[in-house]
Each structure stands twice: as C-alpha cells, then as structure tokens.
C-alpha cells in the first residue's frame, strides 16, 4: 500500500520564536483582539506579501503531512519483514562458513524479489505524489490590504483570514469578528453539537473545548462567517499535534485495516509452520544452518511478498482508468472508499434533473395583483444590484438567474426602484427580504422564498391560493412564493419584520427529469447502492420527480420532522426513508452521520456551499467540476460530468481493484500454503531436502512475477454487484481447503519421482519445482473467477501471457546453463507427459472444489465495516500536505519542544 513517506530529511526551515507574552492558544483567547494583533505583529489590513514570504521561510509550510515519493522509505518497507532480514543474515553466515554457491543464489533471488516489489511500489508512489500535487486547497486571506486566495500550506501566523459556511478551518485562529458563527469541533473534542463562537475574550486558563473566541484547525464552519488572525499553523496547532501523533502513514481505510489483519494471519501460520519444520529437522540431526535456511525460506515462501506492490499498482491503474471515465480522485485510497459505498445521498438538481432551471410563469394569488406585478416583486427580492440598469447574475442562485433570464424581465422596470436594505437568504429562514422605494416614494417590504416559510408569515391566505400551490406541486414544478407589506416607518429591516405579509403570488420554475437518470439509477441499484435524495425543495416535488424516474420511495422525511427526532430515532427512520425534503445543511450533515451510525458506507454527492458539511461528514464526498469551490474543496472525488452513470463507473472501478487484490491474496495464500505444507512434510520423510532454500525463493519469485498483471485483469460482473470487505475467516477457510488440494498433487509428484523415475535429489527437486510452479501458476485461471475458466470467464491478455511465460521459464531452468548453480538436473520426457495429465486433473478437481465452496452459505464473505475514530481526522489532514518533508520535520521538533516547555512551566 502506498504510504506517506517517513520524514527523514534535514531541517530546512528556521523556527519562528514564541510570542513573548503568549505561550498557549488559551492565552490568545483570553486577550483582546487588539492585543492579539499586536503580539503577532499584524493589523486588520493583514500582512504584506513580503512579510508573509519572510514568515513562511521562517516557520515553514502550514503542513502536517508530506506526499513526496521517497525511494528509501519504499525500500525500507520492502526490507522490514523480520523473517526476510533473518534470512539475509543467515545466508551471509552461510557464506562465511563456506557454502558460497547456495548463499549467492539466495542473495540474488532475494535481491530480485525486493527489486521487483520496489520498482512497482515506487512507481505507484510517484503516481500518488503527482496526484497530491495536482490537488490544492485554498483560503481567502488579506494580503497587502486586498482579499486574495492562497494555498492553505502558505498560511503563516499573523495572516488575516475570511471563512464562511462549509470551510475547513486551516489553522488555529483568534476571531476578530463573526456573524452567527457555529463551528463543528467533533473531530478534535468528540462533541457532536456545534459550538457557538464569539470574538469576545474568554476567562484565562480555559480548556480546549471552551475556547469560544477561537476556531481550531481541522474543524468545520457549520454556519455563519468570520474574520480572524492566524495564531498557530501546522504542527503548532492542536489538530497538527494530533495528526502527527497518528504517524506519517496515509489515512487508514477499511481496506488497509483488512490488510493488517490478513498479515497477522500469515504471521501466525508462518511461525507455526517454520517452527515445526526447524524442530523436526533438528530432531533428524540435520545441519543447524541448513535447517534454519530451509525453515526461513518456507516462511518467506508462504508470504505474498508482492501484495503491497499489487495493491499500489492496482490503485495507480485505477486512477488512470477513472480519469478516462471522467472521475478524478484526490487521493489513491479514495478509490477503495468509492467501491465500498452502499448508500448514496444526493441532491436531485442536476443528478435526477437536467439542472437547467427555467422560469415558466408568474401566478398571482391576490386581488389587484397581476402576473407582471408578481414577477417584478420577485426580481426586486433578489440579491443582485439592479440600480445601474445593467444586471449581473454571476454567483447568484439558479432560481434568481432564471427569473432574470425571463423574457418579461426587461419590461419590469425594476431599475426605477431604490433598494434601501436587504436580508440575504439563509437556510434557516429560507427567504430573502428587501426594503425598496418606488418612483413615487412609497416604501415596500418584499419577501421571496419557499412557499411553506413565506405562507407562515402571511395573513389571511385564501384557500384558493393554497389550492393553486398544491396543483403546481402535483405537476412537479418548483415554486417560489412572493409576499409584500407596506414599509412605512422603516429605514432598515431585520428578520423580525418578516411578518403580517400579504401573499402576492407564485413564481413557477421547471427543471425536467434527466433522460439518462432512470438508467443510471437502475445501474446503481444493481450495484447494491441505495439512492436517497436530500433536497431543499418541497417534498411533493421531489416525490413527483422520483416517481417519474421509477425510483421507489421508502418514505419522505422533512427537515422539520428530522429536527423532532433523536439521533437514535433518526438512524432508524433514515434507513427506511428515501427522500429528505426541505433540509438545511446541518440536517444533511446529521442525516449522513445517522446513516454512518448504522454501519453503512455513505457517499454524498453535492455541488453547493450548503453541501459542504455533508461532504465532510460522508465516508466518500463527491462533487462535480462545475461545483462551488467550497464543495470541490470538501470532496474526495470530483466528477467531470454531473451524471450518476459516471459515478457508477467509478464505483465499479473501486470494486474491481478490491476484487483483483483479493484474487492475489486467495491465490497466493492457498498455493503457497499448500506448497510449504508439502515441503514441510517431505523434509521430514525424505533423506534429503525436497527443495533447496534458494529454489523455494526462486519458485516464489517467479510465481509472484507472473501475478503482477493481476491489477489489469478482467473481473466478472457479478463480483461488482455489491461492496466486498475483508473477511479473514473466509480467507482462512479458502486457504485450508485449496492448500491441501495442492499438496495432494505435490505428494503424487513425489511418488512419481521416487517410485517411477527413481530420481536423484537434483532430478527430484527439478520435477517438484516445475510441477509446483505449473500448478500454482495455472490455478490462477480457476481461482480468479467463480465461473468456468477459459470458457465462461477469460483472463486479460497480460495475465495470460505472464502466467504461461512463467511456466515456460520454470520448465526451461533444469536444461539451462544455470541448472547446476540452482541445483537442478535435467528431466526425462515422460515426466512432462505425466505433468500435463496431473495439471489437467488438478484444474478439474479445483473446479469441483470451487463450486462446492462457493455454493455453501457459510463460506460467503461477510460485509462487516468498522471505522476507527482516527479515519476522518487523518483524511482531513491530507489537505495540509507538502512535497518537502524537511520543514515539517522542523515544525514537528519545534512542537515537541514547545510541549515540553509548557509542561515544565505547569
């Protein structure tokens, strides 16, 4: 598995000295904003570009990770197996004691094996580095008095930052000002409820969870906005300290945790088998060194040494394949999470519908109001500047853009009105209100928003108006209500003024269902993915669209109903319901957490600012290339086309990678276990070693080399229809069934060589070497599929060529110039005829065993999922990542010194 490389470079950055009067974030939190700016040498106008560059050179980047491909770290991972190291030491000892030939053979084979694994894994790590370097995360800072976007890793202490809804806080920040600010700090404190923030100083000595005048690195802005000054970055920040405490590896996914459990299984088997062999050989009074070498070769032979290379190559190959399918992943391990997904929560706009919202008509709902009046009121209650006559709708919501694009809009003469005040739209009120003055000087308050919320603040709504609204909902139309009241006596307005309104009418919009959506939904259903719709639209509109597309509804929950449920109740209802209507960003995020609490692998597809919270909370956040910057920044995967069909392609690729990796695991463990069990048995029964240590290692090397083409192999369609997970019990059962079958044919080969050909040790070893290599290599074609191989499921061309090439090389070795060095003697022709017959019989027997194995319910892989608490923290840490490791080392050491100093002062 590709990992974050270890931080081993020399320091490349001088350290920023501590502020003289503040040693902790709590000290800054208890100081006034003016004092904080003074201590940090900053002002409300921010830093100059020159000063920011000087501080960046001094403190280093705002990073807690590196993504540089490190050849030494990759090589270290290839060599870190204790068994492998012990084998090298023993071979060196053998060399010193005079067994030169055997030691050189073992050394060359080990070198080739390590080199093969290194070259493949390093190439994959270079691909990961290129992928990380393409992804940047931005923050809005004040530099030289102007707002500019900078990379988060370039943030320095003293920078003034502007943050808004959905943003990940890029550093520890002391607030200077904020508006309705709530922050989700669960990633640091475990507190599920958002924290209310204020720039007012707090009492001295407060705990981390009580620093209400600060926002902390790695947390998420849940509502509101703020301006603050950066206090600590990178390893100095609390998030950085925790992230560095997790180590330098990439975020562990369920896939990687499975790899670790699988490695433990192999270690247990290897220790048991090698100990048994070593003791047995000593009891038979064989040379100590020879017994040790043989036992260690068995241990190495049972281990799929190229598993990290196969996994890394699979992920790198998957990245390229996904790019061809218009799916861009930010991190290689995101591919695994994508394939793991079994629930998709998505908005309907642009996914189920075309996303091209068009204004169709204005419907009056009050006497003395016509359609033109309703449209004019609707235009007035937008947030665009219409005072100059030239209207720009850039950055406006799609409904307002559609209203201004209506053919009737130019005739509305809204430029003659003067807007005195505005209350922008927010996801709690779901309304926009303006105070305007017409050419005659009359003041009017105009409110526009969701019909349910606007009607709630209106008086005397006629039954006919409600009936008109119900008709539009039944048609699947999107509706915006418009209401007014006199503004006499008002100079500005607040939400408290949004009352006692008179309903003027409705603006009607159309967003047609996407023609391809029905087929895409069907594909996701066949992949075992439940699709749930979370929308800010009306429930009946969402139900109509889903019904038109054939999406079966398990029920509907509205935002109000979600608020009335406890977390436990929501977890139950969320599993049943398929439509969530009139939901706010906070409710979307709560819904994601409820589904994850049920053990589901949840993907969220969103493209707006209001989707950022849910994107952060999902197991796999998915956005689109046309999304807002905040949404794309929060996502793990970006679709170049907002189409569920494109997403289905990505899911299939993720599952294909997992399926191919499991192929290697099942083939390697079963074949290797069988061969090593045979070797262990034969070493006790025979008067000579059945295979020399170097021959065992060579056999394993050739077998592994033949399987390097597995990442590009085809996968049967039925293996992609549901998420797969690691199941160590399943792998163990597979190994203990198919391993002994391999041993049966090994024993048949032993009998053939000894009883029929009266083979000498060199012939015996050559015969078993070829039979072992042929059976375990060709068995690839049976184990790679649950179907009948060659006939109903064909391997890729690359795998076919590599497998048969390995067999050919193995058959040639006893006749090659290297035969004497390797310890092989030539074999008679009848042996190869017998080998062909045994191989065919072996494949037939394996096929019967395979059909029996997969037909038993007890042998089916389980689908259990467990997320460790550090998963999301480590995933979020990936955004604070640089190529140069040295500066991170410096900051890490600095943070360690700071913590020791603080502990001493306390």
Foldseek 3Di string as FASTA:
>chain_A
DQWFFAQDDAFQAAADDDQPPDQDVLVVLQDAQVVLLVSLVADPLFEAPVVLVVQCRHQPWQALAALALDLVRLLCVLCVDPLNVVLLVLLVVVVVVPPVLQSVLQVVLSVLLSVVLSVLLSVLSVLQNVLQVVDFAWWWWRYPSDTDIDTLRSDGFRIKTKFFALDADSAKWFFPAWDQWWKQPCLPVVDRGTDAAGNHRDDGPDDPVPSRRIDFGGIGTHHTMTITGHHGGACQGPLNVVLVVVPHTFFDFLFNVLVVVLVVVLVVVLVVLLVLLLVLCVVVVDDNSQSSLQSSLLSVLLDLSNLSSLLSNLLSVLQVVLVVLQKHFSGSCLLLLLLQAAAEEEACQVAQFVNQKAWDFWFWQDPPFDRLNRLLLVLLQFPWDPQVVDTDCPPGDNVNVNSCVDPCNSVSPNNQKAWQEKDDAALVLQKIWTWIAHNVGWIKIKMKGQVVNLVVQEPDRDPVQVVVVVVLLLVLKFKMWMWMDGPPPDRYDDPVPSHHTHTTTITTMDTGGDPCNLVLVVLSVLLNHQYAYEYLTDPSSVVNSCVVSVNDFLDEAEQVNLVVDDLQRLLVVLVRGRYYYSHFLVSLLSSQVSVVVVQGQYEYEDAESSVSSNLLNHNAYEYEPPGDSSSVSSGRMYGPRSYSNSSSVSNLSSLLSVLLSVLSLLLSNQLSLLVSVLQSVCSSVDPDRLFRSSLSSNLSSLLSQLSSCSSVKDADPSSSRYRAGNDSVLSVVSNVPRSNLNNVLLVVLQCCCCVPVVHDSQASNLLSSLLSLLQSLVCSQVSSYLDDGPPPGDIDPSSVVSSVVSSVVSLCQQVDPCSVSRSHHDDDPVSVVVSVVSSVVSSVVVNVVSNVQVVDPVSDHDSGDDDDSCSSSSNSSSNSYHNDSSSSVVSVVVSVVSVVVVVVVD
